[in-house]
Every structure is written in structure tokens, then in C-alpha cells.
Amino acid sequence: MLIINAEIREKKGKSFSRKLRIQNKFPAILYGLNKTSIPLTLDHNAVFNLQRKTDFYKNTLLLLIQGKEYKVKVKAVQRHAFKLKLLHIDFLYA
């Protein structure tokens, strides 16, 4: 099982997301039916290397947020149009 470390994102919006990307991080969200959504910040290089593996999209992942473990699946990934950059990931509770 692949493990991803994440931080809770305090601010939202386009300008904050741009500032994150300058710091080599990017926004994500964890949501599910009848559960509260959690806005997240992920490290770009760590996740970019993991997403090259097919297990990233097929299997359940382990998301570590402030010491708590969440089993999740990747719902959607947004990529930059011509750069090798991830812009946003949606995770679903597994």
C-alpha cells in the first residue's frame, strides 16, 4: 500500500493555491458521502513520483494527516497543460 503524507490546508482560493505551487506543493481534497471534506496540502515531488506507479490509481492508498490514517482512492487528477506538474488531486474515502 502506498503512503502519502499530507497537511491540512487552512486557506482556500486561487491566490493561495498559486503560492503553494511556488513552494513545490499543491492543493488536494479528501471527501466522501456523508463525511466532512478535508482540504489538504501535498508535497509535489513525493506525490509525482508515486503517481507514476499503476498502483496509485488502482489500489487503496494510505493518507497520513496529522498522525491519523485514512484509506483513500484517487478520484481525479488535474495536470498542467504542458509542464510535468500536478495541479490538484481529489481523494475519496475508501
PDB file of N, CA and C in Angstrom:
ATOM      1  N   MET A   1       0.851  -1.181   0.000  1.00  0.00           N
ATOM      2  CA  MET A   1       0.000   0.000   0.000  1.00  0.00           C
ATOM      3  C   MET A   1       0.895   1.241   0.000  1.00  0.00           C
ATOM      4  N   LEU A   2       0.593   2.165  -0.893  1.00  0.00           N
ATOM      5  CA  LEU A   2       1.360   3.403  -0.987  1.00  0.00           C
ATOM      6  C   LEU A   2       0.937   4.368   0.115  1.00  0.00           C
ATOM      7  N   ILE A   3       1.896   5.085   0.677  1.00  0.00           N
ATOM      8  CA  ILE A   3       1.634   6.011   1.774  1.00  0.00           C
ATOM      9  C   ILE A   3       1.946   7.436   1.316  1.00  0.00           C
ATOM     10  N   ILE A   4       1.007   8.354   1.597  1.00  0.00           N
ATOM     11  CA  ILE A   4       1.175   9.764   1.248  1.00  0.00           C
ATOM     12  C   ILE A   4       1.024  10.592   2.516  1.00  0.00           C
ATOM     13  N   ASN A   5       1.993  11.462   2.770  1.00  0.00           N
ATOM     14  CA  ASN A   5       1.907  12.399   3.896  1.00  0.00           C
ATOM     15  C   ASN A   5       1.222  13.671   3.425  1.00  0.00           C
ATOM     16  N   ALA A   6       0.281  14.169   4.219  1.00  0.00           N
ATOM     17  CA  ALA A   6      -0.462  15.373   3.846  1.00  0.00           C
ATOM     18  C   ALA A   6      -0.616  16.277   5.060  1.00  0.00           C
ATOM     19  N   GLU A   7      -0.858  17.550   4.778  1.00  0.00           N
ATOM     20  CA  GLU A   7      -1.129  18.539   5.821  1.00  0.00           C
ATOM     21  C   GLU A   7      -2.503  19.133   5.549  1.00  0.00           C
ATOM     22  N   ILE A   8      -3.182  19.554   6.602  1.00  0.00           N
ATOM     23  CA  ILE A   8      -4.470  20.220   6.427  1.00  0.00           C
ATOM     24  C   ILE A   8      -4.222  21.637   5.926  1.00  0.00           C
ATOM     25  N   ARG A   9      -4.973  22.015   4.905  1.00  0.00           N
ATOM     26  CA  ARG A   9      -4.829  23.338   4.297  1.00  0.00           C
ATOM     27  C   ARG A   9      -5.793  24.292   4.980  1.00  0.00           C
ATOM     28  N   GLU A  10      -5.268  25.386   5.512  1.00  0.00           N
ATOM     29  CA  GLU A  10      -6.086  26.351   6.241  1.00  0.00           C
ATOM     30  C   GLU A  10      -6.823  27.308   5.307  1.00  0.00           C
ATOM     31  N   LYS A  11      -6.133  27.786   4.289  1.00  0.00           N
ATOM     32  CA  LYS A  11      -6.722  28.775   3.390  1.00  0.00           C
ATOM     33  C   LYS A  11      -7.134  28.114   2.087  1.00  0.00           C
ATOM     34  N   LYS A  12      -8.052  28.752   1.378  1.00  0.00           N
ATOM     35  CA  LYS A  12      -8.520  28.259   0.091  1.00  0.00           C
ATOM     36  C   LYS A  12      -8.456  29.404  -0.912  1.00  0.00           C
ATOM     37  N   GLY A  13      -8.584  29.061  -2.169  1.00  0.00           N
ATOM     38  CA  GLY A  13      -8.640  30.089  -3.197  1.00  0.00           C
ATOM     39  C   GLY A  13      -7.493  30.010  -4.184  1.00  0.00           C
ATOM     40  N   LYS A  14      -7.658  30.734  -5.271  1.00  0.00           N
ATOM     41  CA  LYS A  14      -6.703  30.700  -6.370  1.00  0.00           C
ATOM     42  C   LYS A  14      -5.344  31.265  -5.964  1.00  0.00           C
ATOM     43  N   SER A  15      -5.324  32.385  -5.269  1.00  0.00           N
ATOM     44  CA  SER A  15      -4.038  33.008  -4.929  1.00  0.00           C
ATOM     45  C   SER A  15      -3.253  32.142  -3.940  1.00  0.00           C
ATOM     46  N   PHE A  16      -3.945  31.524  -2.982  1.00  0.00           N
ATOM     47  CA  PHE A  16      -3.252  30.656  -2.028  1.00  0.00           C
ATOM     48  C   PHE A  16      -2.711  29.411  -2.728  1.00  0.00           C
ATOM     49  N   SER A  17      -3.482  28.868  -3.676  1.00  0.00           N
ATOM     50  CA  SER A  17      -3.020  27.697  -4.422  1.00  0.00           C
ATOM     51  C   SER A  17      -1.778  28.024  -5.242  1.00  0.00           C
ATOM     52  N   ARG A  18      -1.736  29.200  -5.818  1.00  0.00           N
ATOM     53  CA  ARG A  18      -0.555  29.622  -6.573  1.00  0.00           C
ATOM     54  C   ARG A  18       0.667  29.725  -5.664  1.00  0.00           C
ATOM     55  N   LYS A  19       0.475  30.254  -4.460  1.00  0.00           N
ATOM     56  CA  LYS A  19       1.583  30.364  -3.511  1.00  0.00           C
ATOM     57  C   LYS A  19       2.086  28.977  -3.100  1.00  0.00           C
ATOM     58  N   LEU A  20       1.168  28.028  -2.951  1.00  0.00           N
ATOM     59  CA  LEU A  20       1.570  26.658  -2.629  1.00  0.00           C
ATOM     60  C   LEU A  20       2.431  26.069  -3.732  1.00  0.00           C
ATOM     61  N   ARG A  21       2.011  26.269  -4.972  1.00  0.00           N
ATOM     62  CA  ARG A  21       2.736  25.699  -6.102  1.00  0.00           C
ATOM     63  C   ARG A  21       4.135  26.297  -6.242  1.00  0.00           C
ATOM     64  N   ILE A  22       4.305  27.548  -5.853  1.00  0.00           N
ATOM     65  CA  ILE A  22       5.633  28.164  -5.864  1.00  0.00           C
ATOM     66  C   ILE A  22       6.539  27.469  -4.852  1.00  0.00           C
ATOM     67  N   GLN A  23       5.959  26.993  -3.744  1.00  0.00           N
ATOM     68  CA  GLN A  23       6.711  26.291  -2.699  1.00  0.00           C
ATOM     69  C   GLN A  23       6.862  24.808  -2.991  1.00  0.00           C
ATOM     70  N   ASN A  24       6.565  24.383  -4.222  1.00  0.00           N
ATOM     71  CA  ASN A  24       6.638  22.987  -4.653  1.00  0.00           C
ATOM     72  C   ASN A  24       5.644  22.092  -3.903  1.00  0.00           C
ATOM     73  N   LYS A  25       4.489  22.655  -3.603  1.00  0.00           N
ATOM     74  CA  LYS A  25       3.384  21.906  -3.003  1.00  0.00           C
ATOM     75  C   LYS A  25       2.155  22.166  -3.854  1.00  0.00           C
ATOM     76  N   PHE A  26       1.090  21.425  -3.615  1.00  0.00           N
ATOM     77  CA  PHE A  26      -0.137  21.678  -4.357  1.00  0.00           C
ATOM     78  C   PHE A  26      -1.344  21.258  -3.528  1.00  0.00           C
ATOM     79  N   PRO A  27      -2.535  21.801  -3.850  1.00  0.00           N
ATOM     80  CA  PRO A  27      -3.732  21.508  -3.069  1.00  0.00           C
ATOM     81  C   PRO A  27      -4.372  20.173  -3.475  1.00  0.00           C
ATOM     82  N   ALA A  28      -5.085  19.611  -2.528  1.00  0.00           N
ATOM     83  CA  ALA A  28      -5.860  18.390  -2.757  1.00  0.00           C
ATOM     84  C   ALA A  28      -7.058  18.446  -1.817  1.00  0.00           C
ATOM     85  N   ILE A  29      -7.979  17.496  -2.006  1.00  0.00           N
ATOM     86  CA  ILE A  29      -9.140  17.419  -1.111  1.00  0.00           C
ATOM     87  C   ILE A  29      -9.495  15.964  -0.894  1.00  0.00           C
ATOM     88  N   LEU A  30      -9.973  15.672   0.303  1.00  0.00           N
ATOM     89  CA  LEU A  30     -10.463  14.348   0.666  1.00  0.00           C
ATOM     90  C   LEU A  30     -11.932  14.496   1.001  1.00  0.00           C
ATOM     91  N   TYR A  31     -12.780  13.750   0.295  1.00  0.00           N
ATOM     92  CA  TYR A  31     -14.212  13.853   0.550  1.00  0.00           C
ATOM     93  C   TYR A  31     -14.872  12.500   0.353  1.00  0.00           C
ATOM     94  N   GLY A  32     -16.137  12.420   0.778  1.00  0.00           N
ATOM     95  CA  GLY A  32     -16.903  11.200   0.619  1.00  0.00           C
ATOM     96  C   GLY A  32     -18.338  11.426   1.018  1.00  0.00           C
ATOM     97  N   LEU A  33     -19.165  10.461   0.750  1.00  0.00           N
ATOM     98  CA  LEU A  33     -20.588  10.542   1.041  1.00  0.00           C
ATOM     99  C   LEU A  33     -20.814  10.572   2.551  1.00  0.00           C
ATOM    100  N   ASN A  34     -21.557  11.570   3.026  1.00  0.00           N
ATOM    101  CA  ASN A  34     -21.900  11.740   4.441  1.00  0.00           C
ATOM    102  C   ASN A  34     -20.674  11.892   5.349  1.00  0.00           C
ATOM    103  N   LYS A  35     -19.580  12.388   4.802  1.00  0.00           N
ATOM    104  CA  LYS A  35     -18.374  12.649   5.594  1.00  0.00           C
ATOM    105  C   LYS A  35     -17.905  14.061   5.284  1.00  0.00           C
ATOM    106  N   THR A  36     -17.256  14.675   6.253  1.00  0.00           N
ATOM    107  CA  THR A  36     -16.776  16.039   6.041  1.00  0.00           C
ATOM    108  C   THR A  36     -15.573  16.031   5.103  1.00  0.00           C
ATOM    109  N   SER A  37     -15.501  17.016   4.249  1.00  0.00           N
ATOM    110  CA  SER A  37     -14.363  17.115   3.339  1.00  0.00           C
ATOM    111  C   SER A  37     -13.198  17.780   4.068  1.00  0.00           C
ATOM    112  N   ILE A  38     -11.993  17.373   3.702  1.00  0.00           N
ATOM    113  CA  ILE A  38     -10.786  17.881   4.330  1.00  0.00           C
ATOM    114  C   ILE A  38      -9.889  18.464   3.235  1.00  0.00           C
ATOM    115  N   PRO A  39      -9.666  19.779   3.236  1.00  0.00           N
ATOM    116  CA  PRO A  39      -8.723  20.360   2.269  1.00  0.00           C
ATOM    117  C   PRO A  39      -7.284  20.047   2.693  1.00  0.00           C
ATOM    118  N   LEU A  40      -6.457  19.648   1.729  1.00  0.00           N
ATOM    119  CA  LEU A  40      -5.114  19.171   2.031  1.00  0.00           C
ATOM    120  C   LEU A  40      -4.054  19.909   1.234  1.00  0.00           C
ATOM    121  N   THR A  41      -2.829  19.821   1.726  1.00  0.00           N
ATOM    122  CA  THR A  41      -1.647  20.273   1.009  1.00  0.00           C
ATOM    123  C   THR A  41      -0.712  19.079   0.871  1.00  0.00           C
ATOM    124  N   LEU A  42      -0.225  18.837  -0.350  1.00  0.00           N
ATOM    125  CA  LEU A  42       0.662  17.710  -0.616  1.00  0.00           C
ATOM    126  C   LEU A  42       1.993  18.209  -1.175  1.00  0.00           C
ATOM    127  N   ASP A  43       3.056  17.444  -0.928  1.00  0.00           N
ATOM    128  CA  ASP A  43       4.364  17.733  -1.498  1.00  0.00           C
ATOM    129  C   ASP A  43       4.382  17.236  -2.944  1.00  0.00           C
ATOM    130  N   HIS A  44       4.719  18.115  -3.877  1.00  0.00           N
ATOM    131  CA  HIS A  44       4.624  17.778  -5.293  1.00  0.00           C
ATOM    132  C   HIS A  44       5.555  16.635  -5.693  1.00  0.00           C
ATOM    133  N   ASN A  45       6.823  16.717  -5.342  1.00  0.00           N
ATOM    134  CA  ASN A  45       7.784  15.714  -5.803  1.00  0.00           C
ATOM    135  C   ASN A  45       7.468  14.323  -5.273  1.00  0.00           C
ATOM    136  N   ALA A  46       7.060  14.230  -4.023  1.00  0.00           N
ATOM    137  CA  ALA A  46       6.740  12.924  -3.434  1.00  0.00           C
ATOM    138  C   ALA A  46       5.551  12.288  -4.145  1.00  0.00           C
ATOM    139  N   VAL A  47       4.502  13.062  -4.358  1.00  0.00           N
ATOM    140  CA  VAL A  47       3.297  12.524  -4.994  1.00  0.00           C
ATOM    141  C   VAL A  47       3.542  12.276  -6.481  1.00  0.00           C
ATOM    142  N   PHE A  48       4.309  13.141  -7.136  1.00  0.00           N
ATOM    143  CA  PHE A  48       4.591  12.956  -8.558  1.00  0.00           C
ATOM    144  C   PHE A  48       5.313  11.636  -8.798  1.00  0.00           C
ATOM    145  N   ASN A  49       6.257  11.286  -7.921  1.00  0.00           N
ATOM    146  CA  ASN A  49       6.967  10.015  -8.067  1.00  0.00           C
ATOM    147  C   ASN A  49       6.046   8.833  -7.797  1.00  0.00           C
ATOM    148  N   LEU A  50       5.127   8.955  -6.853  1.00  0.00           N
ATOM    149  CA  LEU A  50       4.191   7.871  -6.562  1.00  0.00           C
ATOM    150  C   LEU A  50       3.180   7.675  -7.677  1.00  0.00           C
ATOM    151  N   GLN A  51       2.734   8.756  -8.315  1.00  0.00           N
ATOM    152  CA  GLN A  51       1.684   8.641  -9.316  1.00  0.00           C
ATOM    153  C   GLN A  51       2.174   7.991 -10.601  1.00  0.00           C
ATOM    154  N   ARG A  52       3.463   7.788 -10.746  1.00  0.00           N
ATOM    155  CA  ARG A  52       3.986   7.065 -11.906  1.00  0.00           C
ATOM    156  C   ARG A  52       3.687   5.572 -11.825  1.00  0.00           C
ATOM    157  N   LYS A  53       3.417   5.069 -10.624  1.00  0.00           N
ATOM    158  CA  LYS A  53       3.115   3.654 -10.430  1.00  0.00           C
ATOM    159  C   LYS A  53       1.636   3.416 -10.703  1.00  0.00           C
ATOM    160  N   THR A  54       1.305   2.291 -11.290  1.00  0.00           N
ATOM    161  CA  THR A  54      -0.096   1.990 -11.606  1.00  0.00           C
ATOM    162  C   THR A  54      -0.911   1.739 -10.340  1.00  0.00           C
ATOM    163  N   ASP A  55      -0.268   1.316  -9.261  1.00  0.00           N
ATOM    164  CA  ASP A  55      -0.972   1.095  -8.001  1.00  0.00           C
ATOM    165  C   ASP A  55      -1.592   2.383  -7.464  1.00  0.00           C
ATOM    166  N   PHE A  56      -1.047   3.520  -7.827  1.00  0.00           N
ATOM    167  CA  PHE A  56      -1.554   4.809  -7.361  1.00  0.00           C
ATOM    168  C   PHE A  56      -3.008   5.001  -7.782  1.00  0.00           C
ATOM    169  N   TYR A  57      -3.350   4.564  -8.973  1.00  0.00           N
ATOM    170  CA  TYR A  57      -4.703   4.764  -9.496  1.00  0.00           C
ATOM    171  C   TYR A  57      -5.624   3.569  -9.252  1.00  0.00           C
ATOM    172  N   LYS A  58      -5.053   2.378  -9.114  1.00  0.00           N
ATOM    173  CA  LYS A  58      -5.870   1.169  -8.998  1.00  0.00           C
ATOM    174  C   LYS A  58      -6.218   0.801  -7.559  1.00  0.00           C
ATOM    175  N   ASN A  59      -5.240   0.869  -6.676  1.00  0.00           N
ATOM    176  CA  ASN A  59      -5.401   0.343  -5.321  1.00  0.00           C
ATOM    177  C   ASN A  59      -5.732   1.436  -4.313  1.00  0.00           C
ATOM    178  N   THR A  60      -6.046   1.003  -3.101  1.00  0.00           N
ATOM    179  CA  THR A  60      -6.289   1.912  -1.989  1.00  0.00           C
ATOM    180  C   THR A  60      -4.960   2.464  -1.491  1.00  0.00           C
ATOM    181  N   LEU A  61      -4.941   3.755  -1.191  1.00  0.00           N
ATOM    182  CA  LEU A  61      -3.755   4.424  -0.676  1.00  0.00           C
ATOM    183  C   LEU A  61      -3.944   4.731   0.804  1.00  0.00           C
ATOM    184  N   LEU A  62      -2.852   4.925   1.505  1.00  0.00           N
ATOM    185  CA  LEU A  62      -2.898   5.314   2.904  1.00  0.00           C
ATOM    186  C   LEU A  62      -2.473   6.772   3.002  1.00  0.00           C
ATOM    187  N   LEU A  63      -3.383   7.614   3.469  1.00  0.00           N
ATOM    188  CA  LEU A  63      -3.136   9.051   3.587  1.00  0.00           C
ATOM    189  C   LEU A  63      -2.919   9.371   5.058  1.00  0.00           C
ATOM    190  N   LEU A  64      -1.755   9.925   5.399  1.00  0.00           N
ATOM    191  CA  LEU A  64      -1.431  10.282   6.782  1.00  0.00           C
ATOM    192  C   LEU A  64      -1.643  11.779   6.966  1.00  0.00           C
ATOM    193  N   ILE A  65      -2.624  12.127   7.809  1.00  0.00           N
ATOM    194  CA  ILE A  65      -2.932  13.527   8.080  1.00  0.00           C
ATOM    195  C   ILE A  65      -2.872  13.737   9.582  1.00  0.00           C
ATOM    196  N   GLN A  66      -1.898  14.494  10.046  1.00  0.00           N
ATOM    197  CA  GLN A  66      -1.709  14.808  11.464  1.00  0.00           C
ATOM    198  C   GLN A  66      -1.757  13.559  12.344  1.00  0.00           C
ATOM    199  N   GLY A  67      -1.065  12.522  11.936  1.00  0.00           N
ATOM    200  CA  GLY A  67      -0.986  11.301  12.713  1.00  0.00           C
ATOM    201  C   GLY A  67      -2.157  10.347  12.544  1.00  0.00           C
ATOM    202  N   LYS A  68      -3.189  10.727  11.821  1.00  0.00           N
ATOM    203  CA  LYS A  68      -4.328   9.844  11.572  1.00  0.00           C
ATOM    204  C   LYS A  68      -4.184   9.214  10.200  1.00  0.00           C
ATOM    205  N   GLU A  69      -4.624   7.967  10.099  1.00  0.00           N
ATOM    206  CA  GLU A  69      -4.539   7.238   8.837  1.00  0.00           C
ATOM    207  C   GLU A  69      -5.912   7.169   8.185  1.00  0.00           C
ATOM    208  N   TYR A  70      -5.951   7.453   6.896  1.00  0.00           N
ATOM    209  CA  TYR A  70      -7.182   7.381   6.112  1.00  0.00           C
ATOM    210  C   TYR A  70      -6.912   6.515   4.894  1.00  0.00           C
ATOM    211  N   LYS A  71      -7.793   5.563   4.637  1.00  0.00           N
ATOM    212  CA  LYS A  71      -7.699   4.768   3.415  1.00  0.00           C
ATOM    213  C   LYS A  71      -8.512   5.483   2.349  1.00  0.00           C
ATOM    214  N   VAL A  72      -7.849   5.761   1.233  1.00  0.00           N
ATOM    215  CA  VAL A  72      -8.467   6.580   0.189  1.00  0.00           C
ATOM    216  C   VAL A  72      -8.205   5.984  -1.188  1.00  0.00           C
ATOM    217  N   LYS A  73      -8.975   6.468  -2.163  1.00  0.00           N
ATOM    218  CA  LYS A  73      -8.752   6.159  -3.574  1.00  0.00           C
ATOM    219  C   LYS A  73      -8.684   7.471  -4.334  1.00  0.00           C
ATOM    220  N   VAL A  74      -7.964   7.478  -5.433  1.00  0.00           N
ATOM    221  CA  VAL A  74      -7.838   8.673  -6.266  1.00  0.00           C
ATOM    222  C   VAL A  74      -9.086   8.776  -7.138  1.00  0.00           C
ATOM    223  N   LYS A  75      -9.752   9.908  -7.056  1.00  0.00           N
ATOM    224  CA  LYS A  75     -10.946  10.153  -7.869  1.00  0.00           C
ATOM    225  C   LYS A  75     -10.583  10.915  -9.138  1.00  0.00           C
ATOM    226  N   ALA A  76      -9.831  12.004  -9.011  1.00  0.00           N
ATOM    227  CA  ALA A  76      -9.473  12.823 -10.166  1.00  0.00           C
ATOM    228  C   ALA A  76      -8.113  13.480  -9.944  1.00  0.00           C
ATOM    229  N   VAL A  77      -7.386  13.655 -11.040  1.00  0.00           N
ATOM    230  CA  VAL A  77      -6.088  14.322 -11.004  1.00  0.00           C
ATOM    231  C   VAL A  77      -6.089  15.413 -12.073  1.00  0.00           C
ATOM    232  N   GLN A  78      -5.715  16.618 -11.675  1.00  0.00           N
ATOM    233  CA  GLN A  78      -5.576  17.713 -12.637  1.00  0.00           C
ATOM    234  C   GLN A  78      -4.090  17.966 -12.858  1.00  0.00           C
ATOM    235  N   ARG A  79      -3.711  18.018 -14.133  1.00  0.00           N
ATOM    236  CA  ARG A  79      -2.315  18.245 -14.501  1.00  0.00           C
ATOM    237  C   ARG A  79      -2.179  19.533 -15.290  1.00  0.00           C
ATOM    238  N   HIS A  80      -0.967  20.067 -15.293  1.00  0.00           N
ATOM    239  CA  HIS A  80      -0.676  21.245 -16.090  1.00  0.00           C
ATOM    240  C   HIS A  80      -0.740  20.859 -17.573  1.00  0.00           C
ATOM    241  N   ALA A  81      -1.110  21.800 -18.417  1.00  0.00           N
ATOM    242  CA  ALA A  81      -1.323  21.516 -19.840  1.00  0.00           C
ATOM    243  C   ALA A  81      -0.053  21.045 -20.556  1.00  0.00           C
ATOM    244  N   PHE A  82       1.100  21.626 -20.260  1.00  0.00           N
ATOM    245  CA  PHE A  82       2.302  21.215 -20.977  1.00  0.00           C
ATOM    246  C   PHE A  82       3.509  20.970 -20.078  1.00  0.00           C
ATOM    247  N   LYS A  83       3.445  21.344 -18.803  1.00  0.00           N
ATOM    248  CA  LYS A  83       4.534  21.046 -17.873  1.00  0.00           C
ATOM    249  C   LYS A  83       4.232  19.729 -17.169  1.00  0.00           C
ATOM    250  N   LEU A  84       5.265  19.083 -16.668  1.00  0.00           N
ATOM    251  CA  LEU A  84       5.073  17.861 -15.891  1.00  0.00           C
ATOM    252  C   LEU A  84       4.794  18.241 -14.442  1.00  0.00           C
ATOM    253  N   LYS A  85       3.608  18.818 -14.219  1.00  0.00           N
ATOM    254  CA  LYS A  85       3.217  19.287 -12.886  1.00  0.00           C
ATOM    255  C   LYS A  85       1.811  18.800 -12.563  1.00  0.00           C
ATOM    256  N   LEU A  86       1.618  18.416 -11.305  1.00  0.00           N
ATOM    257  CA  LEU A  86       0.280  18.115 -10.803  1.00  0.00           C
ATOM    258  C   LEU A  86      -0.306  19.397 -10.229  1.00  0.00           C
ATOM    259  N   LEU A  87      -1.586  19.667 -10.511  1.00  0.00           N
ATOM    260  CA  LEU A  87      -2.208  20.878 -10.024  1.00  0.00           C
ATOM    261  C   LEU A  87      -3.153  20.616  -8.855  1.00  0.00           C
ATOM    262  N   HIS A  88      -3.852  19.461  -8.876  1.00  0.00           N
ATOM    263  CA  HIS A  88      -4.843  19.183  -7.834  1.00  0.00           C
ATOM    264  C   HIS A  88      -5.211  17.708  -7.897  1.00  0.00           C
ATOM    265  N   ILE A  89      -5.496  17.110  -6.735  1.00  0.00           N
ATOM    266  CA  ILE A  89      -5.963  15.724  -6.672  1.00  0.00           C
ATOM    267  C   ILE A  89      -7.188  15.651  -5.777  1.00  0.00           C
ATOM    268  N   ASP A  90      -8.187  14.898  -6.213  1.00  0.00           N
ATOM    269  CA  ASP A  90      -9.373  14.598  -5.408  1.00  0.00           C
ATOM    270  C   ASP A  90      -9.247  13.167  -4.906  1.00  0.00           C
ATOM    271  N   PHE A  91      -9.361  12.988  -3.586  1.00  0.00           N
ATOM    272  CA  PHE A  91      -9.352  11.662  -2.975  1.00  0.00           C
ATOM    273  C   PHE A  91     -10.738  11.348  -2.443  1.00  0.00           C
ATOM    274  N   LEU A  92     -11.131  10.083  -2.504  1.00  0.00           N
ATOM    275  CA  LEU A  92     -12.386   9.616  -1.918  1.00  0.00           C
ATOM    276  C   LEU A  92     -12.061   8.666  -0.767  1.00  0.00           C
ATOM    277  N   TYR A  93     -12.863   8.752   0.297  1.00  0.00           N
ATOM    278  CA  TYR A  93     -12.732   7.775   1.377  1.00  0.00           C
ATOM    279  C   TYR A  93     -12.987   6.390   0.806  1.00  0.00           C
ATOM    280  N   ALA A  94     -12.146   5.428   1.158  1.00  0.00           N
ATOM    281  CA  ALA A  94     -12.318   4.056   0.650  1.00  0.00           C
ATOM    282  C   ALA A  94     -13.174   3.239   1.597  1.00  0.00           C
TER     283      ALA A  94
END
